[in-house]
Structure formats: structure tokens, C-alpha cells
Amino acid sequence: MESPDSSYISSPEAPPKRSVPNNKAPNSGDMEKSITYIKFLVSNAAAGSVIGKGGSTINDFQSQTGARIQLSRNHEFFPGTSDRIIMISGKADEVLKATDLILNKLLSEILPEDSDDSDFRAKVRLVVPNSCCGAIIGKGGATIKSFIEESQAGIKISPQDNGYLGLSDRLVTLTGSPDEQMRAIDLILSKLSEDSHYLQSMNAPFSYPVGTGAYNAVNYGPNGVGGKFPNNKDDRSNSVTIGVADEHIGVVLGRGGRNITEISQVSGARIKISDRGDFMSGTSDRKVTITGSQRAIRAAEAMIMQKVASISER
């Protein structure tokens, strides 16, 4: 049973780790020795096959790999989708082995047993903190281009301003054969695990802000990108809280509060930053609460993220 007061469900702690062969890429370095994680989306229907009857499948995967596998609750979806979030944590090789097992399981549910999956082109959508996407892109797109060339997978990162209020994550969509996707995941995980902010985000809750009406107000196109807000909802007062890394709060405030005052004036939203030491649950991110119409909130959030991105990409 899923506990109504838990932020996610998971199977019991994984049993003692067993040794696994080292098949990591040469650039992995010491990443294998430290704990890392990966998040990706899985449909609500497919989540059942990952869990298995009485948790048998998820327990088996944890036993085989030594990784810990967690899923968001059955009503906690990634904004704009009907997909749940699955998180795999552990040493890098454990995470990759568990990811491979899960993706193969999902593939087997889609394809008939006697079919050839060599031409199958499924999508894997990774959930990556917005502040960490710059590392995947690289200067002038150099890193993502090299990942595409090396893995032969298609890699596409969703736009930063995609209309989901209060959302600090982006989707990295991988296309290609299962082997190509796994090579891309290996390369991306290696790069992300070098980022301390990415590792700090491991304990962030799966749930996203609800109750503001913000997500439901977005018209989503067939590709999942948010459209414009309906005019009749623009005047409603809403409040959204987003997380900004503690070290980036200075650039949001500006000297003497100049930046935050300008953002507030231009957007028409009221902005409040939590006191030092008051962080989003499970992170070292300060709370930035934006209040106003949906349009004002969206504008203010975009301006705040632009300020943060200007620091992250230096």
C-alpha cells in the first residue's frame, strides 16, 4: 500500500550490495565510488509493471543491482503529463544497471515477444534540474553535440520557459535504440554527477507545487510545450514558490535589492525570499515566493531564472 503521507513510494532498502562488472566509460573517474541518481518519467500504467505484484519486480531489480528505486505516488505526475517520476540512486554502475533493467522491462511490455526491437525508437525522458542543464549543453552546444555523436542517440532538452509555473526541472528527451539511449544516459549521468548542485537535488521531493491552478491553466500542445494562459484567468491572484540555490540568491537580489525590485516592477508580481537557512525541503535552495496574476508570476519566474542562468553559465 502507498502511504498517504509519504512524498513517494519505494520498496524496502536494497539488500547488501553485490559486486558488478565495470563497464563504465573512461571519463567516469571516481564517480562510481560516490552516490548519484537519475530521474525519468514512466507512465502510470507502466509503473505497475516496474513495481510488480506485491513489489516483487522492484525488489528483484534492487537485489540484482544494489541500487535503490523509488517512484512518485500514483497521483503525483510531472507537470503537464500523466507520467510518474522514477528515481534510481546508488553508485553510478548500480544506477546504470537498474536503469537498463527497467527500460528493458518497459520495452518488453510494449513489444510482442517475437518482434525485433532493433528498429524500435522509444523515448526516454530524463528529469534534470534547470540549473544543471548548462553542463549537458556545454559551451556553444559542444558537450551535447559530442554526446549525440558518441551515443548516436537523439538528445533534446526542453525549453527553459515552457509555461510550467514553479517548475525548476527540465526534460531531456532521448531517442534511439535501447543501446544508444543507455550510452547517452551513461554520458549524461557522468557529466551531471560532477555537479554538486545536481547531487544536492537528490533529496528534493517528487511532488510539485499544487493548489495554485497554475499548471491546469496551461494549454499543452501535442509536443508537451506549454501554450498561453487563458485571458480569463490572468487576473486571479496566485502564489508559487520556487527554489533558488543559496549561492545564487545574491544575483536575484542585486546590489541594494536593485534586481528584485526591477523584476517586481516589470512583472507586476510580489516577490519574497526566505531568510538565510530557510530552505526548500530536502535541498539547500532558498524559497522564492512569487505572488500575483499567472502572467505576472510567469514573467517574474522567467526573469529570475535568467539571472540565475547568467551566473551558472559563466
C-alpha atoms as a PDB file:
ATOM      1  CA  MET A   1       0.000   0.000   0.000  1.00  0.00           C
ATOM      2  CA  GLU A   2       1.124   3.545  -0.677  1.00  0.00           C
ATOM      3  CA  SER A   3       1.288   5.636   2.453  1.00  0.00           C
ATOM      4  CA  PRO A   4      -0.926   8.715   2.139  1.00  0.00           C
ATOM      5  CA  ASP A   5       1.540  10.891   4.000  1.00  0.00           C
ATOM      6  CA  SER A   6       4.697   9.925   2.157  1.00  0.00           C
ATOM      7  CA  SER A   7       6.077  12.043  -0.683  1.00  0.00           C
ATOM      8  CA  TYR A   8       6.948   8.974  -2.704  1.00  0.00           C
ATOM      9  CA  ILE A   9       6.736   5.240  -2.579  1.00  0.00           C
ATOM     10  CA  SER A  10       9.677   2.900  -2.604  1.00  0.00           C
ATOM     11  CA  SER A  11      10.463  -0.681  -1.978  1.00  0.00           C
ATOM     12  CA  PRO A  12      12.401  -1.572   1.187  1.00  0.00           C
ATOM     13  CA  GLU A  13      16.037  -0.656   1.430  1.00  0.00           C
ATOM     14  CA  ALA A  14      18.132  -2.580  -1.035  1.00  0.00           C
ATOM     15  CA  PRO A  15      19.981  -5.613   0.349  1.00  0.00           C
ATOM     16  CA  PRO A  16      23.770  -5.653   0.684  1.00  0.00           C
ATOM     17  CA  LYS A  17      25.473  -4.561  -2.500  1.00  0.00           C
ATOM     18  CA  ARG A  18      26.937  -7.215  -4.724  1.00  0.00           C
ATOM     19  CA  SER A  19      29.906  -6.628  -6.952  1.00  0.00           C
ATOM     20  CA  VAL A  20      29.143  -5.761 -10.560  1.00  0.00           C
ATOM     21  CA  PRO A  21      31.423  -5.701 -13.591  1.00  0.00           C
ATOM     22  CA  ASN A  22      32.931  -2.344 -14.506  1.00  0.00           C
ATOM     23  CA  ASN A  23      31.565  -1.332 -17.882  1.00  0.00           C
ATOM     24  CA  LYS A  24      31.758   2.415 -17.373  1.00  0.00           C
ATOM     25  CA  ALA A  25      33.001   4.943 -19.887  1.00  0.00           C
ATOM     26  CA  PRO A  26      36.631   6.073 -19.493  1.00  0.00           C
ATOM     27  CA  ASN A  27      35.588   9.569 -18.379  1.00  0.00           C
ATOM     28  CA  SER A  28      33.751   8.281 -15.346  1.00  0.00           C
ATOM     29  CA  GLY A  29      36.678   8.805 -12.982  1.00  0.00           C
ATOM     30  CA  ASP A  30      35.787   8.480  -9.323  1.00  0.00           C
ATOM     31  CA  MET A  31      32.060   8.835  -9.987  1.00  0.00           C
ATOM     32  CA  GLU A  32      31.494   5.135  -9.390  1.00  0.00           C
ATOM     33  CA  LYS A  33      32.614   5.489  -5.781  1.00  0.00           C
ATOM     34  CA  SER A  34      30.100   8.207  -4.879  1.00  0.00           C
ATOM     35  CA  ILE A  35      26.330   8.093  -4.649  1.00  0.00           C
ATOM     36  CA  THR A  36      24.464   9.594  -7.580  1.00  0.00           C
ATOM     37  CA  TYR A  37      20.969   9.327  -9.041  1.00  0.00           C
ATOM     38  CA  ILE A  38      18.855   9.646 -12.147  1.00  0.00           C
ATOM     39  CA  LYS A  39      15.178  10.522 -12.602  1.00  0.00           C
ATOM     40  CA  PHE A  40      12.993   9.762 -15.595  1.00  0.00           C
ATOM     41  CA  LEU A  41       9.318   9.580 -16.432  1.00  0.00           C
ATOM     42  CA  VAL A  42       7.202   6.458 -16.638  1.00  0.00           C
ATOM     43  CA  SER A  43       3.517   6.266 -17.493  1.00  0.00           C
ATOM     44  CA  ASN A  44       1.165   5.495 -14.633  1.00  0.00           C
ATOM     45  CA  ALA A  45       0.182   2.232 -16.327  1.00  0.00           C
ATOM     46  CA  ALA A  46       3.784   1.155 -16.907  1.00  0.00           C
ATOM     47  CA  ALA A  47       4.722   1.973 -13.314  1.00  0.00           C
ATOM     48  CA  GLY A  48       2.758  -1.105 -12.242  1.00  0.00           C
ATOM     49  CA  SER A  49       4.994  -3.386 -14.284  1.00  0.00           C
ATOM     50  CA  VAL A  50       8.087  -1.832 -12.694  1.00  0.00           C
ATOM     51  CA  ILE A  51       6.691  -2.372  -9.195  1.00  0.00           C
ATOM     52  CA  GLY A  52       5.375  -5.893  -9.865  1.00  0.00           C
ATOM     53  CA  LYS A  53       2.917  -7.875  -7.802  1.00  0.00           C
ATOM     54  CA  GLY A  54       3.480  -7.055  -4.154  1.00  0.00           C
ATOM     55  CA  GLY A  55       6.625  -5.132  -5.121  1.00  0.00           C
ATOM     56  CA  SER A  56       8.288  -8.304  -6.464  1.00  0.00           C
ATOM     57  CA  THR A  57       9.805  -6.741  -9.598  1.00  0.00           C
ATOM     58  CA  ILE A  58      11.198  -3.635  -7.939  1.00  0.00           C
ATOM     59  CA  ASN A  59      12.636  -5.756  -5.123  1.00  0.00           C
ATOM     60  CA  ASP A  60      14.238  -8.083  -7.646  1.00  0.00           C
ATOM     61  CA  PHE A  61      15.802  -5.181  -9.547  1.00  0.00           C
ATOM     62  CA  GLN A  62      17.193  -3.747  -6.313  1.00  0.00           C
ATOM     63  CA  SER A  63      18.623  -7.133  -5.339  1.00  0.00           C
ATOM     64  CA  GLN A  64      20.266  -7.571  -8.729  1.00  0.00           C
ATOM     65  CA  THR A  65      21.837  -4.118  -8.886  1.00  0.00           C
ATOM     66  CA  GLY A  66      22.222  -2.786  -5.334  1.00  0.00           C
ATOM     67  CA  ALA A  67      20.523   0.459  -6.393  1.00  0.00           C
ATOM     68  CA  ARG A  68      17.536   1.999  -4.632  1.00  0.00           C
ATOM     69  CA  ILE A  69      14.448   2.513  -6.809  1.00  0.00           C
ATOM     70  CA  GLN A  70      11.673   4.950  -5.873  1.00  0.00           C
ATOM     71  CA  LEU A  71       8.513   6.136  -7.627  1.00  0.00           C
ATOM     72  CA  SER A  72       6.282   9.112  -7.073  1.00  0.00           C
ATOM     73  CA  ARG A  73       2.813   8.251  -5.799  1.00  0.00           C
ATOM     74  CA  ASN A  74       0.142   7.278  -8.298  1.00  0.00           C
ATOM     75  CA  HIS A  75      -1.374  10.780  -8.340  1.00  0.00           C
ATOM     76  CA  GLU A  76       1.915  12.691  -8.405  1.00  0.00           C
ATOM     77  CA  PHE A  77       2.688  13.405 -12.041  1.00  0.00           C
ATOM     78  CA  PHE A  78       5.321  15.520 -13.727  1.00  0.00           C
ATOM     79  CA  PRO A  79       3.589  18.828 -14.619  1.00  0.00           C
ATOM     80  CA  GLY A  80       1.884  18.770 -17.987  1.00  0.00           C
ATOM     81  CA  THR A  81       1.980  14.981 -18.227  1.00  0.00           C
ATOM     82  CA  SER A  82       0.216  11.947 -16.799  1.00  0.00           C
ATOM     83  CA  ASP A  83       3.585  10.334 -16.062  1.00  0.00           C
ATOM     84  CA  ARG A  84       5.058   9.438 -12.700  1.00  0.00           C
ATOM     85  CA  ILE A  85       8.679  10.028 -11.756  1.00  0.00           C
ATOM     86  CA  ILE A  86      11.042   7.170 -11.072  1.00  0.00           C
ATOM     87  CA  MET A  87      14.318   7.801  -9.260  1.00  0.00           C
ATOM     88  CA  ILE A  88      17.230   5.383  -9.105  1.00  0.00           C
ATOM     89  CA  SER A  89      20.049   6.116  -6.666  1.00  0.00           C
ATOM     90  CA  GLY A  90      23.300   4.404  -5.745  1.00  0.00           C
ATOM     91  CA  LYS A  91      26.771   4.098  -7.198  1.00  0.00           C
ATOM     92  CA  ALA A  92      26.958   5.013 -10.865  1.00  0.00           C
ATOM     93  CA  ASP A  93      27.312   1.439 -12.129  1.00  0.00           C
ATOM     94  CA  GLU A  94      24.387   0.341  -9.935  1.00  0.00           C
ATOM     95  CA  VAL A  95      22.215   3.185 -11.220  1.00  0.00           C
ATOM     96  CA  LEU A  96      23.030   2.345 -14.834  1.00  0.00           C
ATOM     97  CA  LYS A  97      22.327  -1.372 -14.377  1.00  0.00           C
ATOM     98  CA  ALA A  98      18.983  -0.678 -12.694  1.00  0.00           C
ATOM     99  CA  THR A  99      18.055   1.840 -15.400  1.00  0.00           C
ATOM    100  CA  ASP A 100      18.870  -0.743 -18.070  1.00  0.00           C
ATOM    101  CA  LEU A 101      16.730  -3.379 -16.344  1.00  0.00           C
ATOM    102  CA  ILE A 102      13.773  -1.016 -16.015  1.00  0.00           C
ATOM    103  CA  LEU A 103      13.950   0.238 -19.602  1.00  0.00           C
ATOM    104  CA  ASN A 104      14.186  -3.333 -20.889  1.00  0.00           C
ATOM    105  CA  LYS A 105      11.190  -4.240 -18.742  1.00  0.00           C
ATOM    106  CA  LEU A 106       9.185  -1.351 -20.154  1.00  0.00           C
ATOM    107  CA  LEU A 107      10.253  -2.266 -23.685  1.00  0.00           C
ATOM    108  CA  SER A 108       9.140  -5.867 -23.200  1.00  0.00           C
ATOM    109  CA  GLU A 109       5.708  -4.602 -22.130  1.00  0.00           C
ATOM    110  CA  ILE A 110       5.362  -2.603 -25.352  1.00  0.00           C
ATOM    111  CA  LEU A 111       6.729  -5.038 -27.926  1.00  0.00           C
ATOM    112  CA  PRO A 112       5.443  -8.552 -28.655  1.00  0.00           C
ATOM    113  CA  GLU A 113       7.849 -11.326 -27.688  1.00  0.00           C
ATOM    114  CA  ASP A 114       8.582 -12.353 -31.275  1.00  0.00           C
ATOM    115  CA  SER A 115       9.233  -8.820 -32.596  1.00  0.00           C
ATOM    116  CA  ASP A 116      12.606  -7.343 -33.461  1.00  0.00           C
ATOM    117  CA  ASP A 117      13.359  -4.299 -31.324  1.00  0.00           C
ATOM    118  CA  SER A 118      16.408  -3.236 -33.363  1.00  0.00           C
ATOM    119  CA  ASP A 119      14.348  -0.607 -35.217  1.00  0.00           C
ATOM    120  CA  PHE A 120      12.275   0.425 -32.197  1.00  0.00           C
ATOM    121  CA  ARG A 121      12.607   4.109 -31.324  1.00  0.00           C
ATOM    122  CA  ALA A 122      11.138   4.740 -27.895  1.00  0.00           C
ATOM    123  CA  LYS A 123      11.617   7.937 -25.928  1.00  0.00           C
ATOM    124  CA  VAL A 124      13.240   8.209 -22.521  1.00  0.00           C
ATOM    125  CA  ARG A 125      12.585  11.495 -20.738  1.00  0.00           C
ATOM    126  CA  LEU A 126      15.086  12.337 -18.019  1.00  0.00           C
ATOM    127  CA  VAL A 127      14.182  14.895 -15.333  1.00  0.00           C
ATOM    128  CA  VAL A 128      17.112  17.277 -14.792  1.00  0.00           C
ATOM    129  CA  PRO A 129      17.326  20.403 -12.590  1.00  0.00           C
ATOM    130  CA  ASN A 130      17.203  23.509 -14.747  1.00  0.00           C
ATOM    131  CA  SER A 131      20.428  24.824 -13.226  1.00  0.00           C
ATOM    132  CA  CYS A 132      22.307  21.691 -14.327  1.00  0.00           C
ATOM    133  CA  CYS A 133      21.260  21.670 -17.972  1.00  0.00           C
ATOM    134  CA  GLY A 134      24.049  24.051 -18.934  1.00  0.00           C
ATOM    135  CA  ALA A 135      26.587  21.325 -18.146  1.00  0.00           C
ATOM    136  CA  ILE A 136      24.873  18.963 -20.605  1.00  0.00           C
ATOM    137  CA  ILE A 137      24.696  21.637 -23.302  1.00  0.00           C
ATOM    138  CA  GLY A 138      28.264  22.870 -22.908  1.00  0.00           C
ATOM    139  CA  LYS A 139      29.819  25.994 -24.381  1.00  0.00           C
ATOM    140  CA  GLY A 140      28.238  26.640 -27.751  1.00  0.00           C
ATOM    141  CA  GLY A 141      26.467  23.285 -27.520  1.00  0.00           C
ATOM    142  CA  ALA A 142      29.781  21.413 -27.705  1.00  0.00           C
ATOM    143  CA  THR A 143      29.011  18.888 -24.955  1.00  0.00           C
ATOM    144  CA  ILE A 144      25.582  17.840 -26.175  1.00  0.00           C
ATOM    145  CA  LYS A 145      26.912  17.528 -29.731  1.00  0.00           C
ATOM    146  CA  SER A 146      29.696  15.227 -28.540  1.00  0.00           C
ATOM    147  CA  PHE A 147      27.180  13.130 -26.567  1.00  0.00           C
ATOM    148  CA  ILE A 148      24.984  12.761 -29.655  1.00  0.00           C
ATOM    149  CA  GLU A 149      27.951  11.748 -31.797  1.00  0.00           C
ATOM    150  CA  GLU A 150      29.317   9.286 -29.246  1.00  0.00           C
ATOM    151  CA  SER A 151      26.000   7.659 -28.338  1.00  0.00           C
ATOM    152  CA  GLN A 152      24.227   8.008 -31.712  1.00  0.00           C
ATOM    153  CA  ALA A 153      21.076   8.848 -29.729  1.00  0.00           C
ATOM    154  CA  GLY A 154      18.917  11.892 -30.252  1.00  0.00           C
ATOM    155  CA  ILE A 155      19.152  14.279 -27.281  1.00  0.00           C
ATOM    156  CA  LYS A 156      16.755  17.207 -26.892  1.00  0.00           C
ATOM    157  CA  ILE A 157      16.410  19.492 -23.884  1.00  0.00           C
ATOM    158  CA  SER A 158      13.041  21.148 -23.281  1.00  0.00           C
ATOM    159  CA  PRO A 159      12.935  24.961 -23.348  1.00  0.00           C
ATOM    160  CA  GLN A 160      13.650  26.735 -20.084  1.00  0.00           C
ATOM    161  CA  ASP A 161      10.490  28.851 -20.262  1.00  0.00           C
ATOM    162  CA  ASN A 162       7.940  26.178 -21.065  1.00  0.00           C
ATOM    163  CA  GLY A 163       4.961  27.560 -19.218  1.00  0.00           C
ATOM    164  CA  TYR A 164       5.016  25.351 -16.107  1.00  0.00           C
ATOM    165  CA  LEU A 165       4.822  27.701 -13.149  1.00  0.00           C
ATOM    166  CA  GLY A 166       7.074  26.897 -10.211  1.00  0.00           C
ATOM    167  CA  LEU A 167       8.918  24.219 -12.156  1.00  0.00           C
ATOM    168  CA  SER A 168      12.696  24.135 -11.699  1.00  0.00           C
ATOM    169  CA  ASP A 169      13.267  20.945 -13.731  1.00  0.00           C
ATOM    170  CA  ARG A 170      13.550  20.377 -17.458  1.00  0.00           C
ATOM    171  CA  LEU A 171      13.065  17.249 -19.543  1.00  0.00           C
ATOM    172  CA  VAL A 172      15.955  15.757 -21.503  1.00  0.00           C
ATOM    173  CA  THR A 173      14.420  13.518 -24.162  1.00  0.00           C
ATOM    174  CA  LEU A 174      16.490  10.656 -25.565  1.00  0.00           C
ATOM    175  CA  THR A 175      15.530   8.832 -28.756  1.00  0.00           C
ATOM    176  CA  GLY A 176      17.148   5.881 -30.458  1.00  0.00           C
ATOM    177  CA  SER A 177      17.666   2.199 -29.867  1.00  0.00           C
ATOM    178  CA  PRO A 178      17.881   0.930 -26.263  1.00  0.00           C
ATOM    179  CA  ASP A 179      21.681   0.631 -26.557  1.00  0.00           C
ATOM    180  CA  GLU A 180      22.005   4.155 -27.916  1.00  0.00           C
ATOM    181  CA  GLN A 181      19.820   5.532 -25.160  1.00  0.00           C
ATOM    182  CA  MET A 182      21.833   3.752 -22.470  1.00  0.00           C
ATOM    183  CA  ARG A 183      25.087   5.146 -23.889  1.00  0.00           C
ATOM    184  CA  ALA A 184      23.563   8.627 -23.779  1.00  0.00           C
ATOM    185  CA  ILE A 185      22.350   8.103 -20.200  1.00  0.00           C
ATOM    186  CA  ASP A 186      25.848   6.967 -19.195  1.00  0.00           C
ATOM    187  CA  LEU A 187      27.427  10.112 -20.681  1.00  0.00           C
ATOM    188  CA  ILE A 188      24.801  12.454 -19.212  1.00  0.00           C
ATOM    189  CA  LEU A 189      24.972  10.861 -15.756  1.00  0.00           C
ATOM    190  CA  SER A 190      28.773  11.153 -15.763  1.00  0.00           C
ATOM    191  CA  LYS A 191      28.541  14.860 -16.533  1.00  0.00           C
ATOM    192  CA  LEU A 192      25.725  15.598 -14.060  1.00  0.00           C
ATOM    193  CA  SER A 193      27.476  13.746 -11.242  1.00  0.00           C
ATOM    194  CA  GLU A 194      30.332  16.251 -11.465  1.00  0.00           C
ATOM    195  CA  ASP A 195      27.877  18.992 -10.455  1.00  0.00           C
ATOM    196  CA  SER A 196      27.468  19.392  -6.682  1.00  0.00           C
ATOM    197  CA  HIS A 197      24.101  21.120  -7.120  1.00  0.00           C
ATOM    198  CA  TYR A 198      22.795  18.103  -9.024  1.00  0.00           C
ATOM    199  CA  LEU A 199      23.808  15.775  -6.207  1.00  0.00           C
ATOM    200  CA  GLN A 200      22.217  18.105  -3.627  1.00  0.00           C
ATOM    201  CA  SER A 201      18.929  17.844  -5.554  1.00  0.00           C
ATOM    202  CA  MET A 202      18.763  14.105  -4.908  1.00  0.00           C
ATOM    203  CA  ASN A 203      16.636  14.632  -1.795  1.00  0.00           C
ATOM    204  CA  ALA A 204      14.208  17.071  -3.391  1.00  0.00           C
ATOM    205  CA  PRO A 205      10.579  15.916  -3.079  1.00  0.00           C
ATOM    206  CA  PHE A 206       8.922  14.314  -6.087  1.00  0.00           C
ATOM    207  CA  SER A 207       5.805  16.439  -5.747  1.00  0.00           C
ATOM    208  CA  TYR A 208       5.482  19.797  -7.480  1.00  0.00           C
ATOM    209  CA  PRO A 209       3.541  22.879  -6.276  1.00  0.00           C
ATOM    210  CA  VAL A 210      -0.214  22.319  -6.432  1.00  0.00           C
ATOM    211  CA  GLY A 211      -3.281  24.272  -5.440  1.00  0.00           C
ATOM    212  CA  THR A 212      -2.441  27.440  -7.368  1.00  0.00           C
ATOM    213  CA  GLY A 213      -4.265  26.404 -10.517  1.00  0.00           C
ATOM    214  CA  ALA A 214      -1.111  27.327 -12.391  1.00  0.00           C
ATOM    215  CA  TYR A 215      -0.436  24.023 -14.114  1.00  0.00           C
ATOM    216  CA  ASN A 216      -4.028  23.413 -15.136  1.00  0.00           C
ATOM    217  CA  ALA A 217      -4.218  26.859 -16.687  1.00  0.00           C
ATOM    218  CA  VAL A 218      -1.680  25.999 -19.369  1.00  0.00           C
ATOM    219  CA  ASN A 219      -2.806  24.745 -22.765  1.00  0.00           C
ATOM    220  CA  TYR A 220      -0.380  21.995 -23.741  1.00  0.00           C
ATOM    221  CA  GLY A 221       0.378  21.312 -27.398  1.00  0.00           C
ATOM    222  CA  PRO A 222       0.971  17.825 -28.812  1.00  0.00           C
ATOM    223  CA  ASN A 223       4.698  18.085 -28.015  1.00  0.00           C
ATOM    224  CA  GLY A 224       4.066  18.940 -24.360  1.00  0.00           C
ATOM    225  CA  VAL A 225       5.233  22.552 -24.645  1.00  0.00           C
ATOM    226  CA  GLY A 226       3.057  24.996 -22.749  1.00  0.00           C
ATOM    227  CA  GLY A 227       0.881  27.479 -24.572  1.00  0.00           C
ATOM    228  CA  LYS A 228      -0.502  30.835 -23.470  1.00  0.00           C
ATOM    229  CA  PHE A 229      -2.653  31.261 -20.410  1.00  0.00           C
ATOM    230  CA  PRO A 230      -6.366  31.842 -20.992  1.00  0.00           C
ATOM    231  CA  ASN A 231      -7.063  35.563 -20.553  1.00  0.00           C
ATOM    232  CA  ASN A 232      -9.959  34.966 -18.168  1.00  0.00           C
ATOM    233  CA  LYS A 233      -7.583  33.506 -15.602  1.00  0.00           C
ATOM    234  CA  ASP A 234      -4.861  36.138 -15.791  1.00  0.00           C
ATOM    235  CA  ASP A 235      -6.335  38.363 -13.107  1.00  0.00           C
ATOM    236  CA  ARG A 236      -6.571  35.700 -10.437  1.00  0.00           C
ATOM    237  CA  SER A 237      -4.104  36.041  -7.573  1.00  0.00           C
ATOM    238  CA  ASN A 238      -1.837  33.050  -7.207  1.00  0.00           C
ATOM    239  CA  SER A 239       1.253  32.203  -5.255  1.00  0.00           C
ATOM    240  CA  VAL A 240       4.089  29.957  -6.405  1.00  0.00           C
ATOM    241  CA  THR A 241       7.260  29.048  -4.522  1.00  0.00           C
ATOM    242  CA  ILE A 242      10.370  28.081  -6.451  1.00  0.00           C
ATOM    243  CA  GLY A 243      13.817  27.050  -5.221  1.00  0.00           C
ATOM    244  CA  VAL A 244      16.969  29.040  -5.971  1.00  0.00           C
ATOM    245  CA  ALA A 245      20.399  27.826  -4.887  1.00  0.00           C
ATOM    246  CA  ASP A 246      21.609  29.737  -1.833  1.00  0.00           C
ATOM    247  CA  GLU A 247      24.758  30.864  -3.662  1.00  0.00           C
ATOM    248  CA  HIS A 248      22.643  32.394  -6.456  1.00  0.00           C
ATOM    249  CA  ILE A 249      20.324  34.448  -4.249  1.00  0.00           C
ATOM    250  CA  GLY A 250      22.713  37.418  -4.432  1.00  0.00           C
ATOM    251  CA  VAL A 251      22.277  37.831  -8.165  1.00  0.00           C
ATOM    252  CA  VAL A 252      18.473  37.644  -7.789  1.00  0.00           C
ATOM    253  CA  LEU A 253      18.536  40.365  -5.126  1.00  0.00           C
ATOM    254  CA  GLY A 254      21.133  42.580  -6.787  1.00  0.00           C
ATOM    255  CA  ARG A 255      23.079  45.330  -5.083  1.00  0.00           C
ATOM    256  CA  GLY A 256      20.823  47.027  -2.578  1.00  0.00           C
ATOM    257  CA  GLY A 257      17.902  44.918  -3.799  1.00  0.00           C
ATOM    258  CA  ARG A 258      18.045  46.558  -7.235  1.00  0.00           C
ATOM    259  CA  ASN A 259      17.439  43.378  -9.292  1.00  0.00           C
ATOM    260  CA  ILE A 260      14.499  42.050  -7.311  1.00  0.00           C
ATOM    261  CA  THR A 261      12.875  45.491  -7.283  1.00  0.00           C
ATOM    262  CA  GLU A 262      13.239  45.747 -11.054  1.00  0.00           C
ATOM    263  CA  ILE A 263      11.822  42.218 -11.578  1.00  0.00           C
ATOM    264  CA  SER A 264       8.865  43.053  -9.355  1.00  0.00           C
ATOM    265  CA  GLN A 265       8.168  46.333 -11.145  1.00  0.00           C
ATOM    266  CA  VAL A 266       8.462  44.910 -14.665  1.00  0.00           C
ATOM    267  CA  SER A 267       6.440  41.753 -13.989  1.00  0.00           C
ATOM    268  CA  GLY A 268       3.895  43.206 -11.600  1.00  0.00           C
ATOM    269  CA  ALA A 269       4.436  40.320  -9.164  1.00  0.00           C
ATOM    270  CA  ARG A 270       5.333  40.464  -5.486  1.00  0.00           C
ATOM    271  CA  ILE A 271       8.491  38.518  -4.642  1.00  0.00           C
ATOM    272  CA  LYS A 272       9.609  37.303  -1.233  1.00  0.00           C
ATOM    273  CA  ILE A 273      12.834  35.420  -0.495  1.00  0.00           C
ATOM    274  CA  SER A 274      13.098  33.202   2.577  1.00  0.00           C
ATOM    275  CA  ASP A 275      15.524  34.027   5.351  1.00  0.00           C
ATOM    276  CA  ARG A 276      19.026  32.603   5.334  1.00  0.00           C
ATOM    277  CA  GLY A 277      18.879  28.954   6.390  1.00  0.00           C
ATOM    278  CA  ASP A 278      15.201  28.569   5.439  1.00  0.00           C
ATOM    279  CA  PHE A 279      15.431  26.085   2.559  1.00  0.00           C
ATOM    280  CA  MET A 280      13.095  24.102   0.334  1.00  0.00           C
ATOM    281  CA  SER A 281      12.566  20.689   1.940  1.00  0.00           C
ATOM    282  CA  GLY A 282      15.470  18.332   1.297  1.00  0.00           C
ATOM    283  CA  THR A 283      17.585  20.912  -0.564  1.00  0.00           C
ATOM    284  CA  SER A 284      19.915  23.838   0.044  1.00  0.00           C
ATOM    285  CA  ASP A 285      17.714  26.061  -2.148  1.00  0.00           C
ATOM    286  CA  ARG A 286      16.171  29.225  -0.699  1.00  0.00           C
ATOM    287  CA  LYS A 287      12.418  29.706  -1.116  1.00  0.00           C
ATOM    288  CA  VAL A 288      11.415  32.416  -3.562  1.00  0.00           C
ATOM    289  CA  THR A 289       7.671  33.069  -3.322  1.00  0.00           C
ATOM    290  CA  ILE A 290       6.085  34.894  -6.262  1.00  0.00           C
ATOM    291  CA  THR A 291       2.567  36.262  -5.875  1.00  0.00           C
ATOM    292  CA  GLY A 292       0.304  37.874  -8.453  1.00  0.00           C
ATOM    293  CA  SER A 293      -1.579  37.040 -11.639  1.00  0.00           C
ATOM    294  CA  GLN A 294      -0.448  33.980 -13.535  1.00  0.00           C
ATOM    295  CA  ARG A 295       1.069  36.154 -16.246  1.00  0.00           C
ATOM    296  CA  ALA A 296       2.962  38.212 -13.661  1.00  0.00           C
ATOM    297  CA  ILE A 297       4.244  35.069 -11.928  1.00  0.00           C
ATOM    298  CA  ARG A 298       5.380  33.572 -15.205  1.00  0.00           C
ATOM    299  CA  ALA A 299       7.210  36.754 -16.197  1.00  0.00           C
ATOM    300  CA  ALA A 300       8.893  37.110 -12.798  1.00  0.00           C
ATOM    301  CA  GLU A 301       9.969  33.472 -12.749  1.00  0.00           C
ATOM    302  CA  ALA A 302      11.465  33.754 -16.247  1.00  0.00           C
ATOM    303  CA  MET A 303      13.429  36.858 -15.222  1.00  0.00           C
ATOM    304  CA  ILE A 304      14.672  35.194 -12.022  1.00  0.00           C
ATOM    305  CA  MET A 305      15.790  32.065 -13.897  1.00  0.00           C
ATOM    306  CA  GLN A 306      17.519  34.249 -16.484  1.00  0.00           C
ATOM    307  CA  LYS A 307      19.514  35.925 -13.711  1.00  0.00           C
ATOM    308  CA  VAL A 308      20.458  32.534 -12.246  1.00  0.00           C
ATOM    309  CA  ALA A 309      21.393  31.136 -15.661  1.00  0.00           C
ATOM    310  CA  SER A 310      23.699  34.100 -16.309  1.00  0.00           C
ATOM    311  CA  ILE A 311      25.744  33.054 -13.269  1.00  0.00           C
ATOM    312  CA  SER A 312      25.593  29.288 -13.905  1.00  0.00           C
ATOM    313  CA  GLU A 313      26.881  29.576 -17.475  1.00  0.00           C
ATOM    314  CA  ARG A 314      29.933  31.682 -16.635  1.00  0.00           C
END
